[in-house]
Protein backbone atom coordinates (compact mmCIF):
# COMPACT_ATOMS: atom_id res chain seq x y z
CA UNK A 1 0.00 0.00 0.00
CA UNK A 2 1.25 3.44 -0.89
CA UNK A 3 1.73 6.01 1.83
CA UNK A 4 0.24 9.38 0.98
CA UNK A 5 1.91 11.23 3.86
CA UNK A 6 5.66 10.63 4.28
CA UNK A 7 7.19 10.03 7.68
CA UNK A 8 8.30 13.23 9.38
CA UNK A 9 12.07 13.70 9.26
CA UNK A 10 13.95 12.84 12.41
CA UNK A 11 15.94 15.67 13.85
CA UNK A 12 18.99 13.45 14.22
CA UNK A 13 18.83 12.50 10.55
CA UNK A 14 18.62 16.16 9.52
CA UNK A 15 21.59 16.96 11.73
CA UNK A 16 23.65 14.12 10.25
CA UNK A 17 22.83 15.19 6.70
CA UNK A 18 23.75 18.81 7.41
CA UNK A 19 26.97 17.77 9.15
CA UNK A 20 27.89 15.59 6.17
CA UNK A 21 27.38 18.55 3.84
CA UNK A 22 29.72 20.69 5.97
CA UNK A 23 32.37 17.96 5.96
CA UNK A 24 32.11 17.68 2.17
CA UNK A 25 32.69 21.43 1.87
CA UNK A 26 35.66 21.22 4.23
CA UNK A 27 37.07 18.35 2.17
CA UNK A 28 36.80 20.42 -1.01
CA UNK A 29 38.59 23.37 0.60
CA UNK A 30 41.31 21.12 1.98
CA UNK A 31 41.84 19.43 -1.37
CA UNK A 32 42.29 22.82 -3.00
CA UNK A 33 44.72 23.82 -0.25
CA UNK A 34 46.82 20.72 -0.90
CA UNK A 35 47.00 21.66 -4.57
CA UNK A 36 48.15 25.19 -3.71
CA UNK A 37 50.74 24.34 -1.07
CA UNK A 38 51.93 20.93 -2.25
CA UNK A 39 55.61 21.82 -1.75
CA UNK A 40 55.19 23.55 1.58
CA UNK A 41 56.17 21.91 4.89
CA UNK A 42 52.63 22.61 6.10
CA UNK A 43 51.17 20.43 3.37
CA UNK A 44 51.64 17.34 5.57
CA UNK A 45 49.35 18.91 8.17
CA UNK A 46 46.76 19.68 5.51
CA UNK A 47 46.97 16.10 4.24
CA UNK A 48 46.48 14.84 7.81
CA UNK A 49 43.41 17.06 8.17
CA UNK A 50 42.11 15.76 4.84
CA UNK A 51 42.54 12.18 6.03
CA UNK A 52 40.70 12.89 9.29
CA UNK A 53 37.80 14.60 7.48
CA UNK A 54 37.47 11.62 5.13
CA UNK A 55 37.25 9.36 8.19
CA UNK A 56 34.57 11.61 9.70
CA UNK A 57 32.63 11.54 6.44
CA UNK A 58 32.75 7.74 6.38
CA UNK A 59 31.49 7.58 9.97
CA UNK A 60 28.69 10.06 9.21
CA UNK A 61 27.61 8.07 6.15
CA UNK A 62 27.54 4.91 8.25
CA UNK A 63 25.55 6.57 11.04
CA UNK A 64 23.07 7.99 8.56
CA UNK A 65 22.59 4.60 6.89
CA UNK A 66 22.04 2.93 10.26
CA UNK A 67 19.53 5.58 11.25
CA UNK A 68 17.63 5.23 7.99
CA UNK A 69 17.52 1.44 8.41
CA UNK A 70 15.98 1.78 11.88
CA UNK A 71 13.36 4.33 10.81
CA UNK A 72 12.10 2.33 7.83
CA UNK A 73 9.20 -0.04 8.53
CA UNK A 74 9.98 -3.73 7.97
CA UNK A 75 9.05 -5.08 4.56
CA UNK A 76 6.38 -7.79 4.60
CA UNK A 77 6.77 -10.52 2.02
PDB file of N, CA and C in Angstrom:
ATOM      1  N   UNK A   1       0.841  -1.171   0.000  1.00  0.00           N
ATOM      2  CA  UNK A   1       0.000   0.000   0.000  1.00  0.00           C
ATOM      3  C   UNK A   1       0.891   1.241   0.000  1.00  0.00           C
ATOM      4  N   UNK A   2       0.484   2.207  -0.763  1.00  0.00           N
ATOM      5  CA  UNK A   2       1.255   3.439  -0.895  1.00  0.00           C
ATOM      6  C   UNK A   2       0.925   4.399   0.240  1.00  0.00           C
ATOM      7  N   UNK A   3       1.951   5.016   0.788  1.00  0.00           N
ATOM      8  CA  UNK A   3       1.731   6.014   1.832  1.00  0.00           C
ATOM      9  C   UNK A   3       1.569   7.374   1.186  1.00  0.00           C
ATOM     10  N   UNK A   4       0.487   8.048   1.519  1.00  0.00           N
ATOM     11  CA  UNK A   4       0.240   9.377   0.978  1.00  0.00           C
ATOM     12  C   UNK A   4       1.078  10.415   1.725  1.00  0.00           C
ATOM     13  N   UNK A   5       1.171  10.283   3.037  1.00  0.00           N
ATOM     14  CA  UNK A   5       1.911  11.231   3.860  1.00  0.00           C
ATOM     15  C   UNK A   5       3.240  10.591   4.260  1.00  0.00           C
ATOM     16  N   UNK A   6       4.359  11.208   3.902  1.00  0.00           N
ATOM     17  CA  UNK A   6       5.659  10.625   4.281  1.00  0.00           C
ATOM     18  C   UNK A   6       5.910  10.765   5.775  1.00  0.00           C
ATOM     19  N   UNK A   7       6.803   9.933   6.277  1.00  0.00           N
ATOM     20  CA  UNK A   7       7.193  10.027   7.683  1.00  0.00           C
ATOM     21  C   UNK A   7       7.864  11.370   7.925  1.00  0.00           C
ATOM     22  N   UNK A   8       7.611  11.961   9.084  1.00  0.00           N
ATOM     23  CA  UNK A   8       8.300  13.226   9.377  1.00  0.00           C
ATOM     24  C   UNK A   8       9.801  12.966   9.537  1.00  0.00           C
ATOM     25  N   UNK A   9      10.617  13.916   9.127  1.00  0.00           N
ATOM     26  CA  UNK A   9      12.066  13.702   9.264  1.00  0.00           C
ATOM     27  C   UNK A   9      12.469  13.686  10.736  1.00  0.00           C
ATOM     28  N   UNK A  10      13.429  12.836  11.051  1.00  0.00           N
ATOM     29  CA  UNK A  10      13.954  12.839  12.415  1.00  0.00           C
ATOM     30  C   UNK A  10      14.977  13.955  12.525  1.00  0.00           C
ATOM     31  N   UNK A  11      15.014  14.555  13.664  1.00  0.00           N
ATOM     32  CA  UNK A  11      15.940  15.667  13.846  1.00  0.00           C
ATOM     33  C   UNK A  11      17.384  15.182  13.766  1.00  0.00           C
ATOM     34  N   UNK A  12      17.641  13.988  14.276  1.00  0.00           N
ATOM     35  CA  UNK A  12      18.994  13.445  14.224  1.00  0.00           C
ATOM     36  C   UNK A  12      19.419  13.228  12.774  1.00  0.00           C
ATOM     37  N   UNK A  13      18.516  12.722  11.971  1.00  0.00           N
ATOM     38  CA  UNK A  13      18.831  12.500  10.553  1.00  0.00           C
ATOM     39  C   UNK A  13      19.156  13.815   9.854  1.00  0.00           C
ATOM     40  N   UNK A  14      18.363  14.844  10.116  1.00  0.00           N
ATOM     41  CA  UNK A  14      18.622  16.161   9.520  1.00  0.00           C
ATOM     42  C   UNK A  14      19.988  16.695   9.948  1.00  0.00           C
ATOM     43  N   UNK A  15      20.307  16.508  11.208  1.00  0.00           N
ATOM     44  CA  UNK A  15      21.590  16.964  11.726  1.00  0.00           C
ATOM     45  C   UNK A  15      22.734  16.221  11.058  1.00  0.00           C
ATOM     46  N   UNK A  16      22.602  14.903  10.900  1.00  0.00           N
ATOM     47  CA  UNK A  16      23.648  14.117  10.252  1.00  0.00           C
ATOM     48  C   UNK A  16      23.830  14.524   8.791  1.00  0.00           C
ATOM     49  N   UNK A  17      22.743  14.777   8.098  1.00  0.00           N
ATOM     50  CA  UNK A  17      22.831  15.194   6.697  1.00  0.00           C
ATOM     51  C   UNK A  17      23.519  16.552   6.592  1.00  0.00           C
ATOM     52  N   UNK A  18      23.132  17.480   7.443  1.00  0.00           N
ATOM     53  CA  UNK A  18      23.746  18.808   7.408  1.00  0.00           C
ATOM     54  C   UNK A  18      25.232  18.743   7.786  1.00  0.00           C
ATOM     55  N   UNK A  19      25.568  17.926   8.757  1.00  0.00           N
ATOM     56  CA  UNK A  19      26.972  17.765   9.151  1.00  0.00           C
ATOM     57  C   UNK A  19      27.780  17.168   8.008  1.00  0.00           C
ATOM     58  N   UNK A  20      27.214  16.201   7.318  1.00  0.00           N
ATOM     59  CA  UNK A  20      27.888  15.591   6.174  1.00  0.00           C
ATOM     60  C   UNK A  20      28.152  16.626   5.086  1.00  0.00           C
ATOM     61  N   UNK A  21      27.195  17.503   4.842  1.00  0.00           N
ATOM     62  CA  UNK A  21      27.379  18.553   3.839  1.00  0.00           C
ATOM     63  C   UNK A  21      28.526  19.501   4.230  1.00  0.00           C
ATOM     64  N   UNK A  22      28.622  19.819   5.507  1.00  0.00           N
ATOM     65  CA  UNK A  22      29.718  20.686   5.968  1.00  0.00           C
ATOM     66  C   UNK A  22      31.067  19.990   5.812  1.00  0.00           C
ATOM     67  N   UNK A  23      31.114  18.705   6.110  1.00  0.00           N
ATOM     68  CA  UNK A  23      32.367  17.958   5.964  1.00  0.00           C
ATOM     69  C   UNK A  23      32.769  17.889   4.490  1.00  0.00           C
ATOM     70  N   UNK A  24      31.798  17.706   3.604  1.00  0.00           N
ATOM     71  CA  UNK A  24      32.114  17.681   2.169  1.00  0.00           C
ATOM     72  C   UNK A  24      32.685  19.017   1.711  1.00  0.00           C
ATOM     73  N   UNK A  25      32.148  20.117   2.216  1.00  0.00           N
ATOM     74  CA  UNK A  25      32.690  21.435   1.874  1.00  0.00           C
ATOM     75  C   UNK A  25      34.112  21.590   2.422  1.00  0.00           C
ATOM     76  N   UNK A  26      34.325  21.145   3.647  1.00  0.00           N
ATOM     77  CA  UNK A  26      35.664  21.225   4.233  1.00  0.00           C
ATOM     78  C   UNK A  26      36.651  20.366   3.449  1.00  0.00           C
ATOM     79  N   UNK A  27      36.213  19.208   2.989  1.00  0.00           N
ATOM     80  CA  UNK A  27      37.070  18.352   2.168  1.00  0.00           C
ATOM     81  C   UNK A  27      37.465  19.051   0.873  1.00  0.00           C
ATOM     82  N   UNK A  28      36.511  19.716   0.247  1.00  0.00           N
ATOM     83  CA  UNK A  28      36.804  20.417  -1.009  1.00  0.00           C
ATOM     84  C   UNK A  28      37.823  21.536  -0.788  1.00  0.00           C
ATOM     85  N   UNK A  29      37.645  22.294   0.298  1.00  0.00           N
ATOM     86  CA  UNK A  29      38.585  23.372   0.600  1.00  0.00           C
ATOM     87  C   UNK A  29      39.972  22.800   0.887  1.00  0.00           C
ATOM     88  N   UNK A  30      40.027  21.723   1.639  1.00  0.00           N
ATOM     89  CA  UNK A  30      41.311  21.116   1.984  1.00  0.00           C
ATOM     90  C   UNK A  30      42.008  20.563   0.751  1.00  0.00           C
ATOM     91  N   UNK A  31      41.250  19.949  -0.133  1.00  0.00           N
ATOM     92  CA  UNK A  31      41.841  19.427  -1.365  1.00  0.00           C
ATOM     93  C   UNK A  31      42.432  20.551  -2.211  1.00  0.00           C
ATOM     94  N   UNK A  32      41.749  21.674  -2.273  1.00  0.00           N
ATOM     95  CA  UNK A  32      42.287  22.821  -2.999  1.00  0.00           C
ATOM     96  C   UNK A  32      43.534  23.363  -2.315  1.00  0.00           C
ATOM     97  N   UNK A  33      43.543  23.355  -0.988  1.00  0.00           N
ATOM     98  CA  UNK A  33      44.719  23.817  -0.247  1.00  0.00           C
ATOM     99  C   UNK A  33      45.927  22.941  -0.527  1.00  0.00           C
ATOM    100  N   UNK A  34      45.719  21.645  -0.596  1.00  0.00           N
ATOM    101  CA  UNK A  34      46.823  20.722  -0.898  1.00  0.00           C
ATOM    102  C   UNK A  34      47.400  21.052  -2.269  1.00  0.00           C
ATOM    103  N   UNK A  35      46.527  21.337  -3.222  1.00  0.00           N
ATOM    104  CA  UNK A  35      47.000  21.663  -4.574  1.00  0.00           C
ATOM    105  C   UNK A  35      47.814  22.954  -4.579  1.00  0.00           C
ATOM    106  N   UNK A  36      47.459  23.901  -3.737  1.00  0.00           N
ATOM    107  CA  UNK A  36      48.148  25.191  -3.713  1.00  0.00           C
ATOM    108  C   UNK A  36      49.475  25.158  -2.942  1.00  0.00           C
ATOM    109  N   UNK A  37      49.542  24.337  -1.902  1.00  0.00           N
ATOM    110  CA  UNK A  37      50.745  24.342  -1.071  1.00  0.00           C
ATOM    111  C   UNK A  37      51.437  22.977  -1.073  1.00  0.00           C
ATOM    112  N   UNK A  38      51.417  22.302  -2.196  1.00  0.00           N
ATOM    113  CA  UNK A  38      51.931  20.933  -2.253  1.00  0.00           C
ATOM    114  C   UNK A  38      53.409  20.822  -1.890  1.00  0.00           C
ATOM    115  N   UNK A  39      54.183  21.876  -2.053  1.00  0.00           N
ATOM    116  CA  UNK A  39      55.607  21.815  -1.746  1.00  0.00           C
ATOM    117  C   UNK A  39      55.962  22.455  -0.397  1.00  0.00           C
ATOM    118  N   UNK A  40      54.969  22.895   0.298  1.00  0.00           N
ATOM    119  CA  UNK A  40      55.187  23.555   1.583  1.00  0.00           C
ATOM    120  C   UNK A  40      55.307  22.518   2.705  1.00  0.00           C
ATOM    121  N   UNK A  41      56.090  22.829   3.744  1.00  0.00           N
ATOM    122  CA  UNK A  41      56.169  21.913   4.891  1.00  0.00           C
ATOM    123  C   UNK A  41      54.814  21.718   5.584  1.00  0.00           C
ATOM    124  N   UNK A  42      53.952  22.706   5.496  1.00  0.00           N
ATOM    125  CA  UNK A  42      52.626  22.608   6.104  1.00  0.00           C
ATOM    126  C   UNK A  42      51.674  21.698   5.357  1.00  0.00           C
ATOM    127  N   UNK A  43      52.073  21.278   4.163  1.00  0.00           N
ATOM    128  CA  UNK A  43      51.174  20.430   3.373  1.00  0.00           C
ATOM    129  C   UNK A  43      50.910  19.092   4.056  1.00  0.00           C
ATOM    130  N   UNK A  44      51.859  18.603   4.857  1.00  0.00           N
ATOM    131  CA  UNK A  44      51.637  17.338   5.571  1.00  0.00           C
ATOM    132  C   UNK A  44      50.514  17.484   6.596  1.00  0.00           C
ATOM    133  N   UNK A  45      50.439  18.664   7.223  1.00  0.00           N
ATOM    134  CA  UNK A  45      49.353  18.911   8.173  1.00  0.00           C
ATOM    135  C   UNK A  45      48.011  18.976   7.453  1.00  0.00           C
ATOM    136  N   UNK A  46      47.996  19.589   6.288  1.00  0.00           N
ATOM    137  CA  UNK A  46      46.758  19.684   5.513  1.00  0.00           C
ATOM    138  C   UNK A  46      46.334  18.288   5.052  1.00  0.00           C
ATOM    139  N   UNK A  47      47.295  17.480   4.635  1.00  0.00           N
ATOM    140  CA  UNK A  47      46.972  16.102   4.243  1.00  0.00           C
ATOM    141  C   UNK A  47      46.430  15.301   5.423  1.00  0.00           C
ATOM    142  N   UNK A  48      46.980  15.522   6.618  1.00  0.00           N
ATOM    143  CA  UNK A  48      46.479  14.840   7.810  1.00  0.00           C
ATOM    144  C   UNK A  48      45.041  15.270   8.107  1.00  0.00           C
ATOM    145  N   UNK A  49      44.773  16.563   7.961  1.00  0.00           N
ATOM    146  CA  UNK A  49      43.406  17.061   8.170  1.00  0.00           C
ATOM    147  C   UNK A  49      42.459  16.464   7.138  1.00  0.00           C
ATOM    148  N   UNK A  50      42.917  16.357   5.907  1.00  0.00           N
ATOM    149  CA  UNK A  50      42.112  15.759   4.842  1.00  0.00           C
ATOM    150  C   UNK A  50      41.772  14.308   5.184  1.00  0.00           C
ATOM    151  N   UNK A  51      42.754  13.581   5.642  1.00  0.00           N
ATOM    152  CA  UNK A  51      42.540  12.182   6.026  1.00  0.00           C
ATOM    153  C   UNK A  51      41.514  12.070   7.151  1.00  0.00           C
ATOM    154  N   UNK A  52      41.630  12.929   8.159  1.00  0.00           N
ATOM    155  CA  UNK A  52      40.698  12.892   9.289  1.00  0.00           C
ATOM    156  C   UNK A  52      39.273  13.246   8.857  1.00  0.00           C
ATOM    157  N   UNK A  53      39.131  14.233   7.960  1.00  0.00           N
ATOM    158  CA  UNK A  53      37.797  14.598   7.481  1.00  0.00           C
ATOM    159  C   UNK A  53      37.176  13.476   6.649  1.00  0.00           C
ATOM    160  N   UNK A  54      37.987  12.766   5.890  1.00  0.00           N
ATOM    161  CA  UNK A  54      37.472  11.621   5.135  1.00  0.00           C
ATOM    162  C   UNK A  54      36.980  10.535   6.088  1.00  0.00           C
ATOM    163  N   UNK A  55      37.696  10.343   7.198  1.00  0.00           N
ATOM    164  CA  UNK A  55      37.254   9.359   8.189  1.00  0.00           C
ATOM    165  C   UNK A  55      35.935   9.798   8.832  1.00  0.00           C
ATOM    166  N   UNK A  56      35.817  11.091   9.128  1.00  0.00           N
ATOM    167  CA  UNK A  56      34.569  11.613   9.696  1.00  0.00           C
ATOM    168  C   UNK A  56      33.419  11.430   8.710  1.00  0.00           C
ATOM    169  N   UNK A  57      33.672  11.708   7.450  1.00  0.00           N
ATOM    170  CA  UNK A  57      32.630  11.542   6.437  1.00  0.00           C
ATOM    171  C   UNK A  57      32.167  10.092   6.356  1.00  0.00           C
ATOM    172  N   UNK A  58      33.100   9.160   6.412  1.00  0.00           N
ATOM    173  CA  UNK A  58      32.745   7.740   6.383  1.00  0.00           C
ATOM    174  C   UNK A  58      31.893   7.368   7.593  1.00  0.00           C
ATOM    175  N   UNK A  59      32.275   7.861   8.761  1.00  0.00           N
ATOM    176  CA  UNK A  59      31.492   7.578   9.965  1.00  0.00           C
ATOM    177  C   UNK A  59      30.097   8.194   9.889  1.00  0.00           C
ATOM    178  N   UNK A  60      30.002   9.412   9.366  1.00  0.00           N
ATOM    179  CA  UNK A  60      28.688  10.056   9.212  1.00  0.00           C
ATOM    180  C   UNK A  60      27.806   9.294   8.239  1.00  0.00           C
ATOM    181  N   UNK A  61      28.383   8.852   7.121  1.00  0.00           N
ATOM    182  CA  UNK A  61      27.614   8.069   6.149  1.00  0.00           C
ATOM    183  C   UNK A  61      27.099   6.785   6.781  1.00  0.00           C
ATOM    184  N   UNK A  62      27.940   6.139   7.573  1.00  0.00           N
ATOM    185  CA  UNK A  62      27.542   4.905   8.245  1.00  0.00           C
ATOM    186  C   UNK A  62      26.434   5.167   9.258  1.00  0.00           C
ATOM    187  N   UNK A  63      26.570   6.228  10.047  1.00  0.00           N
ATOM    188  CA  UNK A  63      25.554   6.566  11.040  1.00  0.00           C
ATOM    189  C   UNK A  63      24.227   6.907  10.372  1.00  0.00           C
ATOM    190  N   UNK A  64      24.286   7.628   9.278  1.00  0.00           N
ATOM    191  CA  UNK A  64      23.070   7.990   8.556  1.00  0.00           C
ATOM    192  C   UNK A  64      22.387   6.755   7.986  1.00  0.00           C
ATOM    193  N   UNK A  65      23.161   5.844   7.431  1.00  0.00           N
ATOM    194  CA  UNK A  65      22.593   4.604   6.888  1.00  0.00           C
ATOM    195  C   UNK A  65      21.950   3.767   7.988  1.00  0.00           C
ATOM    196  N   UNK A  66      22.606   3.686   9.139  1.00  0.00           N
ATOM    197  CA  UNK A  66      22.042   2.932  10.257  1.00  0.00           C
ATOM    198  C   UNK A  66      20.751   3.563  10.744  1.00  0.00           C
ATOM    199  N   UNK A  67      20.724   4.880  10.812  1.00  0.00           N
ATOM    200  CA  UNK A  67      19.531   5.581  11.254  1.00  0.00           C
ATOM    201  C   UNK A  67      18.383   5.360  10.278  1.00  0.00           C
ATOM    202  N   UNK A  68      18.671   5.424   8.988  1.00  0.00           N
ATOM    203  CA  UNK A  68      17.633   5.228   7.991  1.00  0.00           C
ATOM    204  C   UNK A  68      17.107   3.796   8.018  1.00  0.00           C
ATOM    205  N   UNK A  69      17.970   2.831   8.321  1.00  0.00           N
ATOM    206  CA  UNK A  69      17.518   1.437   8.406  1.00  0.00           C
ATOM    207  C   UNK A  69      16.584   1.238   9.595  1.00  0.00           C
ATOM    208  N   UNK A  70      16.823   1.944  10.691  1.00  0.00           N
ATOM    209  CA  UNK A  70      15.977   1.776  11.881  1.00  0.00           C
ATOM    210  C   UNK A  70      14.664   2.539  11.766  1.00  0.00           C
ATOM    211  N   UNK A  71      14.598   3.556  10.924  1.00  0.00           N
ATOM    212  CA  UNK A  71      13.359   4.328  10.810  1.00  0.00           C
ATOM    213  C   UNK A  71      12.445   3.799   9.715  1.00  0.00           C
ATOM    214  N   UNK A  72      12.940   2.883   8.873  1.00  0.00           N
ATOM    215  CA  UNK A  72      12.096   2.327   7.828  1.00  0.00           C
ATOM    216  C   UNK A  72      11.296   1.163   8.403  1.00  0.00           C
ATOM    217  N   UNK A  73      10.002   1.086   8.046  1.00  0.00           N
ATOM    218  CA  UNK A  73       9.203  -0.042   8.535  1.00  0.00           C
ATOM    219  C   UNK A  73       9.672  -1.345   7.867  1.00  0.00           C
ATOM    220  N   UNK A  74       9.560  -2.453   8.575  1.00  0.00           N
ATOM    221  CA  UNK A  74       9.983  -3.729   7.968  1.00  0.00           C
ATOM    222  C   UNK A  74       9.125  -4.076   6.769  1.00  0.00           C
ATOM    223  N   UNK A  75       9.747  -4.692   5.780  1.00  0.00           N
ATOM    224  CA  UNK A  75       9.047  -5.076   4.560  1.00  0.00           C
ATOM    225  C   UNK A  75       8.380  -6.436   4.787  1.00  0.00           C
ATOM    226  N   UNK A  76       7.113  -6.516   4.475  1.00  0.00           N
ATOM    227  CA  UNK A  76       6.385  -7.787   4.597  1.00  0.00           C
ATOM    228  C   UNK A  76       6.375  -8.486   3.258  1.00  0.00           C
ATOM    229  N   UNK A  77       6.740  -9.747   3.270  1.00  0.00           N
ATOM    230  CA  UNK A  77       6.770 -10.516   2.020  1.00  0.00           C
ATOM    231  C   UNK A  77       5.616 -11.463   1.964  1.00  0.00           C
TER     232      UNK A  77
END
